């Protein structure tokens, strides 16, 4: 049936519900009223034509919040749990991610991002990060003190999707503190290798590295007892036969068959 509420009504209701869905609203600029809703928990701006999120109005809001907005040039959405900016025209991440410490789901897919801020891997509650279908050539690495033994990192991250970019290498996800990671989706890039320390991620289950340029694969990953699925199709120089020649493949194949059987039950 679709959303029958007008744009103004949806924005007005968001003050009470803390949820705002402005997806597919043909927005080129964000309505200024949205920028001062401080307690937003879920915000969906997907499917628009946005390329920035600055204040967009000549209205004067005589509040402390608005003065902060004018000084920082960024919305004060520090209560956000879910943020969907997919299918827009962002060339850079338009928010201070370091301030979004409660964020659990971040969808940046289908934009024109060339880089990600290092703060994206410093969000303590982030569980799902989708950066697919951008123009990323690199991902941020671990800063000093981040990850193992540090206080920062991404300890709650379960799913990372960086498919359909221009990546030639991945950073050490272990050093980034991604010890809860279960799903690594990096198909359709230019990866020649994967980090050896993927084997040290105790919860990793699924690796999708289709359509890359793999020359090798870390054998220790096959011996990681949590890994049950690896997709390799479309790597001209490293295929399933190459994988089958590595130490630990037999044990991995047994786990993969068990997964298939369990899914069919």
C-alpha atoms as a PDB file:
ATOM      1  CA  UNK A   1       0.000   0.000   0.000  1.00  0.00           C
ATOM      2  CA  UNK A   2       2.970   2.321   0.518  1.00  0.00           C
ATOM      3  CA  UNK A   3       3.361   5.192   2.926  1.00  0.00           C
ATOM      4  CA  UNK A   4       0.292   7.456   2.665  1.00  0.00           C
ATOM      5  CA  UNK A   5       1.684  10.101   5.015  1.00  0.00           C
ATOM      6  CA  UNK A   6       3.072  13.297   3.565  1.00  0.00           C
ATOM      7  CA  UNK A   7       6.730  14.151   3.984  1.00  0.00           C
ATOM      8  CA  UNK A   8       5.885  16.742   6.628  1.00  0.00           C
ATOM      9  CA  UNK A   9       3.680  14.275   8.550  1.00  0.00           C
ATOM     10  CA  UNK A  10       6.388  11.617   8.589  1.00  0.00           C
ATOM     11  CA  UNK A  11       8.948  14.091   9.883  1.00  0.00           C
ATOM     12  CA  UNK A  12       6.533  15.404  12.506  1.00  0.00           C
ATOM     13  CA  UNK A  13       5.713  11.870  13.713  1.00  0.00           C
ATOM     14  CA  UNK A  14       9.414  11.021  14.001  1.00  0.00           C
ATOM     15  CA  UNK A  15       9.717  13.310  17.003  1.00  0.00           C
ATOM     16  CA  UNK A  16       7.438  10.864  18.852  1.00  0.00           C
ATOM     17  CA  UNK A  17       8.286   7.511  17.267  1.00  0.00           C
ATOM     18  CA  UNK A  18      12.063   8.074  16.892  1.00  0.00           C
ATOM     19  CA  UNK A  19      11.743   6.304  13.514  1.00  0.00           C
ATOM     20  CA  UNK A  20      11.862   8.122  10.172  1.00  0.00           C
ATOM     21  CA  UNK A  21      11.518   6.519   6.734  1.00  0.00           C
ATOM     22  CA  UNK A  22      12.177   8.909   3.852  1.00  0.00           C
ATOM     23  CA  UNK A  23      13.234   6.231   1.372  1.00  0.00           C
ATOM     24  CA  UNK A  24      12.477   6.747  -2.332  1.00  0.00           C
ATOM     25  CA  UNK A  25      11.189  10.259  -1.650  1.00  0.00           C
ATOM     26  CA  UNK A  26      13.137  11.828  -4.549  1.00  0.00           C
ATOM     27  CA  UNK A  27      15.051  13.998  -2.127  1.00  0.00           C
ATOM     28  CA  UNK A  28      17.905  16.111  -3.460  1.00  0.00           C
ATOM     29  CA  UNK A  29      18.262  17.976  -0.174  1.00  0.00           C
ATOM     30  CA  UNK A  30      17.305  16.835   3.291  1.00  0.00           C
ATOM     31  CA  UNK A  31      14.463  18.828   4.876  1.00  0.00           C
ATOM     32  CA  UNK A  32      15.925  21.027   7.591  1.00  0.00           C
ATOM     33  CA  UNK A  33      13.419  19.757  10.185  1.00  0.00           C
ATOM     34  CA  UNK A  34      15.104  16.342  10.112  1.00  0.00           C
ATOM     35  CA  UNK A  35      18.446  17.747  11.167  1.00  0.00           C
ATOM     36  CA  UNK A  36      17.262  18.798  14.614  1.00  0.00           C
ATOM     37  CA  UNK A  37      15.497  15.571  15.644  1.00  0.00           C
ATOM     38  CA  UNK A  38      18.081  14.512  18.209  1.00  0.00           C
ATOM     39  CA  UNK A  39      16.537  11.275  19.454  1.00  0.00           C
ATOM     40  CA  UNK A  40      16.161   9.470  16.121  1.00  0.00           C
ATOM     41  CA  UNK A  41      16.831   5.750  16.506  1.00  0.00           C
ATOM     42  CA  UNK A  42      16.110   4.521  12.960  1.00  0.00           C
ATOM     43  CA  UNK A  43      16.650   6.663   9.862  1.00  0.00           C
ATOM     44  CA  UNK A  44      16.119   5.450   6.289  1.00  0.00           C
ATOM     45  CA  UNK A  45      17.191   7.854   3.531  1.00  0.00           C
ATOM     46  CA  UNK A  46      17.785   5.192   0.895  1.00  0.00           C
ATOM     47  CA  UNK A  47      16.793   5.552  -2.730  1.00  0.00           C
ATOM     48  CA  UNK A  48      17.114   9.312  -3.005  1.00  0.00           C
ATOM     49  CA  UNK A  49      19.539  11.646  -4.786  1.00  0.00           C
ATOM     50  CA  UNK A  50      21.380  12.980  -1.761  1.00  0.00           C
ATOM     51  CA  UNK A  51      25.082  13.778  -1.931  1.00  0.00           C
ATOM     52  CA  UNK A  52      25.478  15.655   1.349  1.00  0.00           C
ATOM     53  CA  UNK A  53      23.675  16.279   4.656  1.00  0.00           C
ATOM     54  CA  UNK A  54      24.369  19.901   5.617  1.00  0.00           C
ATOM     55  CA  UNK A  55      21.784  22.359   6.974  1.00  0.00           C
ATOM     56  CA  UNK A  56      19.619  23.148   3.950  1.00  0.00           C
ATOM     57  CA  UNK A  57      17.374  25.982   5.052  1.00  0.00           C
ATOM     58  CA  UNK A  58      17.205  29.691   5.644  1.00  0.00           C
ATOM     59  CA  UNK A  59      14.873  29.153   8.601  1.00  0.00           C
ATOM     60  CA  UNK A  60      16.214  30.252  11.954  1.00  0.00           C
ATOM     61  CA  UNK A  61      15.725  27.770  14.792  1.00  0.00           C
ATOM     62  CA  UNK A  62      16.435  29.640  17.999  1.00  0.00           C
ATOM     63  CA  UNK A  63      17.566  26.650  20.016  1.00  0.00           C
ATOM     64  CA  UNK A  64      20.874  25.482  21.397  1.00  0.00           C
ATOM     65  CA  UNK A  65      20.653  22.454  19.107  1.00  0.00           C
ATOM     66  CA  UNK A  66      20.508  24.603  16.019  1.00  0.00           C
ATOM     67  CA  UNK A  67      23.477  26.691  17.145  1.00  0.00           C
ATOM     68  CA  UNK A  68      25.438  23.464  17.495  1.00  0.00           C
ATOM     69  CA  UNK A  69      24.283  22.468  14.020  1.00  0.00           C
ATOM     70  CA  UNK A  70      25.513  25.739  12.557  1.00  0.00           C
ATOM     71  CA  UNK A  71      28.875  25.371  14.236  1.00  0.00           C
ATOM     72  CA  UNK A  72      29.511  21.742  13.322  1.00  0.00           C
ATOM     73  CA  UNK A  73      27.720  21.511   9.984  1.00  0.00           C
ATOM     74  CA  UNK A  74      26.535  18.008  10.898  1.00  0.00           C
ATOM     75  CA  UNK A  75      23.286  16.590  12.329  1.00  0.00           C
ATOM     76  CA  UNK A  76      23.300  15.584  15.993  1.00  0.00           C
ATOM     77  CA  UNK A  77      21.866  12.069  15.590  1.00  0.00           C
ATOM     78  CA  UNK A  78      23.777  10.429  18.413  1.00  0.00           C
ATOM     79  CA  UNK A  79      20.875   8.111  19.377  1.00  0.00           C
ATOM     80  CA  UNK A  80      20.811   6.309  16.013  1.00  0.00           C
ATOM     81  CA  UNK A  81      20.691   2.491  16.015  1.00  0.00           C
ATOM     82  CA  UNK A  82      19.983   2.011  12.290  1.00  0.00           C
ATOM     83  CA  UNK A  83      21.092   4.270   9.439  1.00  0.00           C
ATOM     84  CA  UNK A  84      20.329   3.485   5.793  1.00  0.00           C
ATOM     85  CA  UNK A  85      21.963   5.776   3.209  1.00  0.00           C
ATOM     86  CA  UNK A  86      21.930   3.236   0.364  1.00  0.00           C
ATOM     87  CA  UNK A  87      21.232   4.162  -3.258  1.00  0.00           C
ATOM     88  CA  UNK A  88      22.199   7.816  -3.092  1.00  0.00           C
ATOM     89  CA  UNK A  89      25.107   9.857  -4.488  1.00  0.00           C
ATOM     90  CA  UNK A  90      27.393  10.229  -1.472  1.00  0.00           C
ATOM     91  CA  UNK A  91      31.085  10.574  -2.382  1.00  0.00           C
ATOM     92  CA  UNK A  92      32.054  10.807   1.295  1.00  0.00           C
ATOM     93  CA  UNK A  93      30.336   9.621   4.468  1.00  0.00           C
ATOM     94  CA  UNK A  94      28.311  12.699   5.447  1.00  0.00           C
ATOM     95  CA  UNK A  95      28.319  12.218   9.220  1.00  0.00           C
ATOM     96  CA  UNK A  96      30.730  12.142  12.132  1.00  0.00           C
ATOM     97  CA  UNK A  97      30.533   8.384  12.664  1.00  0.00           C
ATOM     98  CA  UNK A  98      32.614   8.541  15.829  1.00  0.00           C
ATOM     99  CA  UNK A  99      29.669  10.249  17.532  1.00  0.00           C
ATOM    100  CA  UNK A 100      27.244   7.428  16.640  1.00  0.00           C
ATOM    101  CA  UNK A 101      28.315   5.108  19.432  1.00  0.00           C
ATOM    102  CA  UNK A 102      24.918   3.341  19.621  1.00  0.00           C
ATOM    103  CA  UNK A 103      24.775   2.501  15.909  1.00  0.00           C
ATOM    104  CA  UNK A 104      24.078  -1.182  15.156  1.00  0.00           C
ATOM    105  CA  UNK A 105      23.301  -1.232  11.419  1.00  0.00           C
ATOM    106  CA  UNK A 106      24.916   0.976   8.761  1.00  0.00           C
ATOM    107  CA  UNK A 107      24.039   0.662   5.071  1.00  0.00           C
ATOM    108  CA  UNK A 108      26.208   2.755   2.727  1.00  0.00           C
ATOM    109  CA  UNK A 109      25.776   0.547  -0.331  1.00  0.00           C
ATOM    110  CA  UNK A 110      25.235   1.812  -3.872  1.00  0.00           C
ATOM    111  CA  UNK A 111      26.838   5.215  -3.518  1.00  0.00           C
ATOM    112  CA  UNK A 112      30.086   6.572  -5.012  1.00  0.00           C
ATOM    113  CA  UNK A 113      32.308   6.340  -1.931  1.00  0.00           C
ATOM    114  CA  UNK A 114      36.055   6.136  -2.603  1.00  0.00           C
ATOM    115  CA  UNK A 115      37.123   5.978   1.043  1.00  0.00           C
ATOM    116  CA  UNK A 116      35.647   5.196   4.447  1.00  0.00           C
ATOM    117  CA  UNK A 117      36.521   7.093   7.621  1.00  0.00           C
ATOM    118  CA  UNK A 118      38.577   5.114  10.118  1.00  0.00           C
ATOM    119  CA  UNK A 119      35.803   5.693  12.658  1.00  0.00           C
ATOM    120  CA  UNK A 120      33.623   3.123  10.885  1.00  0.00           C
ATOM    121  CA  UNK A 121      35.716   0.373  12.505  1.00  0.00           C
ATOM    122  CA  UNK A 122      35.547   2.032  15.903  1.00  0.00           C
ATOM    123  CA  UNK A 123      31.816   1.702  16.510  1.00  0.00           C
ATOM    124  CA  UNK A 124      31.408  -0.530  19.580  1.00  0.00           C
ATOM    125  CA  UNK A 125      27.841  -1.752  18.865  1.00  0.00           C
ATOM    126  CA  UNK A 126      27.921  -2.005  15.073  1.00  0.00           C
ATOM    127  CA  UNK A 127      26.680  -5.439  13.954  1.00  0.00           C
ATOM    128  CA  UNK A 128      26.054  -4.995  10.225  1.00  0.00           C
ATOM    129  CA  UNK A 129      28.106  -2.877   7.815  1.00  0.00           C
ATOM    130  CA  UNK A 130      27.144  -2.818   4.130  1.00  0.00           C
ATOM    131  CA  UNK A 131      29.440  -0.843   1.819  1.00  0.00           C
ATOM    132  CA  UNK A 132      28.744  -2.844  -1.350  1.00  0.00           C
ATOM    133  CA  UNK A 133      28.677  -1.259  -4.803  1.00  0.00           C
ATOM    134  CA  UNK A 134      30.841   1.772  -4.206  1.00  0.00           C
ATOM    135  CA  UNK A 135      34.296   2.761  -5.514  1.00  0.00           C
ATOM    136  CA  UNK A 136      36.405   1.756  -2.531  1.00  0.00           C
ATOM    137  CA  UNK A 137      40.029   0.935  -3.360  1.00  0.00           C
ATOM    138  CA  UNK A 138      41.078   0.447   0.280  1.00  0.00           C
ATOM    139  CA  UNK A 139      39.534  -0.026   3.709  1.00  0.00           C
ATOM    140  CA  UNK A 140      40.795   1.663   6.879  1.00  0.00           C
ATOM    141  CA  UNK A 141      43.368  -0.318   8.824  1.00  0.00           C
ATOM    142  CA  UNK A 142      43.720  -0.607  12.587  1.00  0.00           C
ATOM    143  CA  UNK A 143      44.893   2.485  14.415  1.00  0.00           C
ATOM    144  CA  UNK A 144      47.410   2.226  17.223  1.00  0.00           C
ATOM    145  CA  UNK A 145      45.695   0.783  20.278  1.00  0.00           C
ATOM    146  CA  UNK A 146      42.739  -0.465  18.267  1.00  0.00           C
ATOM    147  CA  UNK A 147      41.548  -4.066  18.184  1.00  0.00           C
ATOM    148  CA  UNK A 148      43.439  -6.701  20.187  1.00  0.00           C
ATOM    149  CA  UNK A 149      44.411  -5.305  23.542  1.00  0.00           C
ATOM    150  CA  UNK A 150      42.886  -1.930  22.705  1.00  0.00           C
ATOM    151  CA  UNK A 151      39.682  -0.242  23.695  1.00  0.00           C
ATOM    152  CA  UNK A 152      38.456   0.600  20.189  1.00  0.00           C
ATOM    153  CA  UNK A 153      37.611  -1.691  17.313  1.00  0.00           C
ATOM    154  CA  UNK A 154      34.393  -3.271  16.096  1.00  0.00           C
ATOM    155  CA  UNK A 155      33.769  -6.056  18.632  1.00  0.00           C
ATOM    156  CA  UNK A 156      30.081  -6.581  17.756  1.00  0.00           C
ATOM    157  CA  UNK A 157      30.418  -6.701  13.950  1.00  0.00           C
ATOM    158  CA  UNK A 158      28.726  -9.842  12.581  1.00  0.00           C
ATOM    159  CA  UNK A 159      28.356  -9.071   8.862  1.00  0.00           C
ATOM    160  CA  UNK A 160      30.692  -7.083   6.590  1.00  0.00           C
ATOM    161  CA  UNK A 161      29.729  -6.581   2.938  1.00  0.00           C
ATOM    162  CA  UNK A 162      32.283  -4.816   0.729  1.00  0.00           C
ATOM    163  CA  UNK A 163      31.260  -6.545  -2.513  1.00  0.00           C
ATOM    164  CA  UNK A 164      31.446  -4.779  -5.884  1.00  0.00           C
ATOM    165  CA  UNK A 165      34.188  -2.281  -5.139  1.00  0.00           C
ATOM    166  CA  UNK A 166      37.787  -1.907  -6.362  1.00  0.00           C
ATOM    167  CA  UNK A 167      39.594  -3.472  -3.392  1.00  0.00           C
ATOM    168  CA  UNK A 168      43.002  -5.047  -4.000  1.00  0.00           C
ATOM    169  CA  UNK A 169      43.576  -6.016  -0.348  1.00  0.00           C
ATOM    170  CA  UNK A 170      41.733  -6.292   2.953  1.00  0.00           C
ATOM    171  CA  UNK A 171      43.047  -5.010   6.286  1.00  0.00           C
ATOM    172  CA  UNK A 172      43.563  -7.340   9.214  1.00  0.00           C
ATOM    173  CA  UNK A 173      40.055  -7.783  10.584  1.00  0.00           C
ATOM    174  CA  UNK A 174      41.499  -9.366  13.699  1.00  0.00           C
ATOM    175  CA  UNK A 175      43.552  -6.240  14.366  1.00  0.00           C
ATOM    176  CA  UNK A 176      40.392  -4.205  13.850  1.00  0.00           C
ATOM    177  CA  UNK A 177      38.797  -6.153  16.687  1.00  0.00           C
ATOM    178  CA  UNK A 178      36.184  -7.888  14.502  1.00  0.00           C
ATOM    179  CA  UNK A 179      36.252 -11.069  16.558  1.00  0.00           C
ATOM    180  CA  UNK A 180      32.476 -11.615  16.329  1.00  0.00           C
ATOM    181  CA  UNK A 181      32.475 -11.538  12.509  1.00  0.00           C
ATOM    182  CA  UNK A 182      30.426 -14.363  10.967  1.00  0.00           C
ATOM    183  CA  UNK A 183      30.009 -13.251   7.365  1.00  0.00           C
ATOM    184  CA  UNK A 184      32.649 -11.703   5.074  1.00  0.00           C
ATOM    185  CA  UNK A 185      31.265 -10.739   1.659  1.00  0.00           C
ATOM    186  CA  UNK A 186      33.906  -9.385  -0.711  1.00  0.00           C
ATOM    187  CA  UNK A 187      32.870 -10.664  -4.152  1.00  0.00           C
ATOM    188  CA  UNK A 188      33.494  -8.637  -7.303  1.00  0.00           C
ATOM    189  CA  UNK A 189      36.692  -6.882  -6.295  1.00  0.00           C
ATOM    190  CA  UNK A 190      40.368  -7.226  -7.305  1.00  0.00           C
ATOM    191  CA  UNK A 191      41.672  -9.199  -4.336  1.00  0.00           C
ATOM    192  CA  UNK A 192      44.785 -11.271  -4.976  1.00  0.00           C
ATOM    193  CA  UNK A 193      44.904 -12.681  -1.439  1.00  0.00           C
ATOM    194  CA  UNK A 194      43.052 -12.720   1.867  1.00  0.00           C
ATOM    195  CA  UNK A 195      44.564 -11.872   5.271  1.00  0.00           C
ATOM    196  CA  UNK A 196      46.124 -14.916   6.947  1.00  0.00           C
ATOM    197  CA  UNK A 197      44.585 -13.983  10.273  1.00  0.00           C
ATOM    198  CA  UNK A 198      41.046 -14.668   9.056  1.00  0.00           C
ATOM    199  CA  UNK A 199      41.839 -18.033  10.603  1.00  0.00           C
ATOM    200  CA  UNK A 200      41.904 -16.336  14.002  1.00  0.00           C
ATOM    201  CA  UNK A 201      38.315 -15.081  13.804  1.00  0.00           C
ATOM    202  CA  UNK A 202      36.512 -17.583  16.054  1.00  0.00           C
ATOM    203  CA  UNK A 203      32.976 -16.969  14.730  1.00  0.00           C
ATOM    204  CA  UNK A 204      33.656 -16.669  10.993  1.00  0.00           C
ATOM    205  CA  UNK A 205      31.282 -18.917   9.016  1.00  0.00           C
ATOM    206  CA  UNK A 206      30.911 -17.572   5.475  1.00  0.00           C
ATOM    207  CA  UNK A 207      33.472 -16.124   3.051  1.00  0.00           C
ATOM    208  CA  UNK A 208      32.326 -14.974  -0.374  1.00  0.00           C
ATOM    209  CA  UNK A 209      35.277 -14.021  -2.570  1.00  0.00           C
ATOM    210  CA  UNK A 210      33.757 -14.696  -6.002  1.00  0.00           C
ATOM    211  CA  UNK A 211      34.993 -12.812  -9.045  1.00  0.00           C
ATOM    212  CA  UNK A 212      38.311 -11.590  -7.737  1.00  0.00           C
ATOM    213  CA  UNK A 213      41.945 -12.177  -8.718  1.00  0.00           C
ATOM    214  CA  UNK A 214      42.977 -14.679  -6.037  1.00  0.00           C
ATOM    215  CA  UNK A 215      46.412 -16.216  -6.445  1.00  0.00           C
ATOM    216  CA  UNK A 216      46.317 -18.128  -3.165  1.00  0.00           C
ATOM    217  CA  UNK A 217      44.196 -18.854  -0.101  1.00  0.00           C
ATOM    218  CA  UNK A 218      45.295 -19.041   3.568  1.00  0.00           C
ATOM    219  CA  UNK A 219      45.262 -22.784   4.439  1.00  0.00           C
ATOM    220  CA  UNK A 220      44.761 -21.998   8.110  1.00  0.00           C
ATOM    221  CA  UNK A 221      41.289 -20.631   7.286  1.00  0.00           C
ATOM    222  CA  UNK A 222      40.237 -24.140   6.239  1.00  0.00           C
ATOM    223  CA  UNK A 223      41.243 -25.368   9.680  1.00  0.00           C
ATOM    224  CA  UNK A 224      39.083 -22.742  11.396  1.00  0.00           C
ATOM    225  CA  UNK A 225      36.316 -24.956  12.797  1.00  0.00           C
ATOM    226  CA  UNK A 226      33.657 -22.255  12.441  1.00  0.00           C
ATOM    227  CA  UNK A 227      34.145 -21.756   8.664  1.00  0.00           C
ATOM    228  CA  UNK A 228      31.488 -23.750   6.771  1.00  0.00           C
ATOM    229  CA  UNK A 229      31.138 -21.942   3.441  1.00  0.00           C
ATOM    230  CA  UNK A 230      33.633 -20.483   0.954  1.00  0.00           C
ATOM    231  CA  UNK A 231      32.620 -19.174  -2.480  1.00  0.00           C
ATOM    232  CA  UNK A 232      35.460 -18.943  -5.018  1.00  0.00           C
ATOM    233  CA  UNK A 233      33.790 -18.939  -8.439  1.00  0.00           C
ATOM    234  CA  UNK A 234      35.210 -16.484 -10.938  1.00  0.00           C
ATOM    235  CA  UNK A 235      38.848 -16.467  -9.770  1.00  0.00           C
ATOM    236  CA  UNK A 236      40.817 -17.410 -12.921  1.00  0.00           C
ATOM    237  CA  UNK A 237      43.986 -18.445 -11.072  1.00  0.00           C
ATOM    238  CA  UNK A 238      42.507 -20.078  -7.979  1.00  0.00           C
ATOM    239  CA  UNK A 239      39.434 -22.297  -8.000  1.00  0.00           C
ATOM    240  CA  UNK A 240      37.809 -25.089  -5.997  1.00  0.00           C
ATOM    241  CA  UNK A 241      40.385 -27.583  -7.287  1.00  0.00           C
ATOM    242  CA  UNK A 242      43.180 -25.346  -6.020  1.00  0.00           C
ATOM    243  CA  UNK A 243      41.418 -25.094  -2.677  1.00  0.00           C
ATOM    244  CA  UNK A 244      41.028 -28.871  -2.479  1.00  0.00           C
ATOM    245  CA  UNK A 245      44.809 -29.278  -2.591  1.00  0.00           C
ATOM    246  CA  UNK A 246      45.335 -27.316   0.609  1.00  0.00           C
ATOM    247  CA  UNK A 247      45.849 -28.842   4.026  1.00  0.00           C
ATOM    248  CA  UNK A 248      42.581 -28.823   5.965  1.00  0.00           C
ATOM    249  CA  UNK A 249      40.293 -29.025   2.931  1.00  0.00           C
ATOM    250  CA  UNK A 250      38.868 -32.446   3.824  1.00  0.00           C
ATOM    251  CA  UNK A 251      37.721 -31.274   7.255  1.00  0.00           C
ATOM    252  CA  UNK A 252      36.271 -28.106   5.734  1.00  0.00           C
ATOM    253  CA  UNK A 253      34.361 -30.118   3.120  1.00  0.00           C
ATOM    254  CA  UNK A 254      32.763 -32.227   5.847  1.00  0.00           C
ATOM    255  CA  UNK A 255      31.571 -29.087   7.628  1.00  0.00           C
ATOM    256  CA  UNK A 256      30.217 -27.671   4.364  1.00  0.00           C
ATOM    257  CA  UNK A 257      28.247 -30.853   3.649  1.00  0.00           C
ATOM    258  CA  UNK A 258      26.825 -30.803   7.168  1.00  0.00           C
ATOM    259  CA  UNK A 259      25.643 -27.235   6.594  1.00  0.00           C
ATOM    260  CA  UNK A 260      23.904 -28.216   3.354  1.00  0.00           C
ATOM    261  CA  UNK A 261      22.214 -31.192   5.004  1.00  0.00           C
ATOM    262  CA  UNK A 262      21.060 -29.120   7.978  1.00  0.00           C
ATOM    263  CA  UNK A 263      19.609 -26.424   5.709  1.00  0.00           C
ATOM    264  CA  UNK A 264      17.617 -29.036   3.791  1.00  0.00           C
ATOM    265  CA  UNK A 265      16.010 -30.473   6.899  1.00  0.00           C
END
